[in-house]
Amino acid sequence: MNDIVEIRVNDNGNGIPQKVLDKIFQPFFTTKPTGQGTGLGLSLSYDIITKGHGGELKAETKEGEGTTFVIQLPYKS
């Protein structure tokens, strides 16, 4: 039987605008000033979760209400 383990990480920030949300898992994308971020954190996380473990990584967000990152990993019992 295949099951899913789900991990949800919430914040109470301002949310992620749609134009940024469309790019957050792309390598080298960052909203930080030049020299202050590589833009690889979410891209590497996405690849490890999806390609390395066959799972999913999603962001659920509403501007002004915060963001929830959802990690789903397959679990074989």
Protein backbone atom coordinates (compact mmCIF):
# COMPACT_ATOMS: atom_id res chain seq x y z
CA MET A 1 0.00 0.00 0.00
CA ASN A 2 1.38 3.44 -0.96
CA ASP A 3 0.72 6.34 1.36
CA ILE A 4 1.79 9.96 1.45
CA VAL A 5 3.59 11.80 4.23
CA GLU A 6 2.73 15.49 4.15
CA ILE A 7 4.73 18.27 5.79
CA ARG A 8 3.29 21.80 5.86
CA VAL A 9 5.34 24.86 6.79
CA ASN A 10 3.35 28.07 7.33
CA ASP A 11 4.37 31.67 7.76
CA ASN A 12 2.41 34.77 8.60
CA GLY A 13 4.10 37.10 6.11
CA ASN A 14 2.57 39.04 3.25
CA GLY A 15 2.27 36.12 0.83
CA ILE A 16 3.99 35.76 -2.53
CA PRO A 17 2.79 37.76 -5.53
CA GLN A 18 1.71 35.61 -8.50
CA LYS A 19 4.46 36.98 -10.77
CA VAL A 20 7.05 35.80 -8.23
CA LEU A 21 5.23 32.55 -7.39
CA ASP A 22 5.50 31.44 -11.02
CA LYS A 23 9.32 31.55 -10.75
CA ILE A 24 10.24 30.51 -7.20
CA PHE A 25 11.37 26.99 -8.09
CA GLN A 26 13.52 28.13 -11.05
CA PRO A 27 17.30 27.96 -10.55
CA PHE A 28 18.97 31.31 -9.79
CA PHE A 29 15.68 33.16 -9.24
CA THR A 30 15.87 35.46 -6.24
CA THR A 31 14.14 38.56 -4.99
CA LYS A 32 17.21 39.56 -2.97
CA PRO A 33 19.67 42.23 -4.08
CA THR A 34 22.65 41.16 -6.22
CA GLY A 35 25.23 39.32 -4.15
CA GLN A 36 22.86 38.47 -1.30
CA GLY A 37 21.31 35.28 -2.55
CA THR A 38 22.10 32.53 -5.04
CA GLY A 39 18.52 31.68 -5.90
CA LEU A 40 19.25 27.98 -5.52
CA GLY A 41 17.54 27.08 -2.23
CA LEU A 42 14.01 26.38 -3.45
CA SER A 43 15.26 25.04 -6.79
CA LEU A 44 17.48 22.46 -5.06
CA SER A 45 14.72 21.61 -2.59
CA TYR A 46 12.29 21.08 -5.46
CA ASP A 47 14.70 18.78 -7.33
CA ILE A 48 15.55 16.73 -4.23
CA ILE A 49 11.89 16.26 -3.31
CA THR A 50 10.54 15.61 -6.82
CA LYS A 51 13.40 13.89 -8.63
CA GLY A 52 15.22 12.33 -5.69
CA HIS A 53 12.22 11.12 -3.71
CA GLY A 54 9.30 11.11 -6.17
CA GLY A 55 7.38 13.64 -4.11
CA GLU A 56 5.86 17.06 -4.59
CA LEU A 57 6.69 20.55 -3.37
CA LYS A 58 4.04 23.24 -3.67
CA ALA A 59 3.47 26.74 -2.38
CA GLU A 60 -0.01 27.85 -1.34
CA THR A 61 -0.21 31.60 -0.88
CA LYS A 62 -2.54 34.55 -0.68
CA GLU A 63 -1.18 38.05 -0.83
CA GLY A 64 -1.54 39.66 2.57
CA GLU A 65 -2.19 36.33 4.33
CA GLY A 66 1.08 34.37 4.28
CA THR A 67 2.38 31.27 2.55
CA THR A 68 2.29 27.54 3.19
CA PHE A 69 4.88 25.26 1.61
CA VAL A 70 3.58 21.72 1.23
CA ILE A 71 5.94 18.75 0.89
CA GLN A 72 4.41 15.40 -0.02
CA LEU A 73 6.57 12.29 -0.03
CA PRO A 74 5.57 8.75 -0.92
CA TYR A 75 5.56 6.29 1.96
CA LYS A 76 5.43 2.55 1.45
CA SER A 77 4.11 0.64 4.44
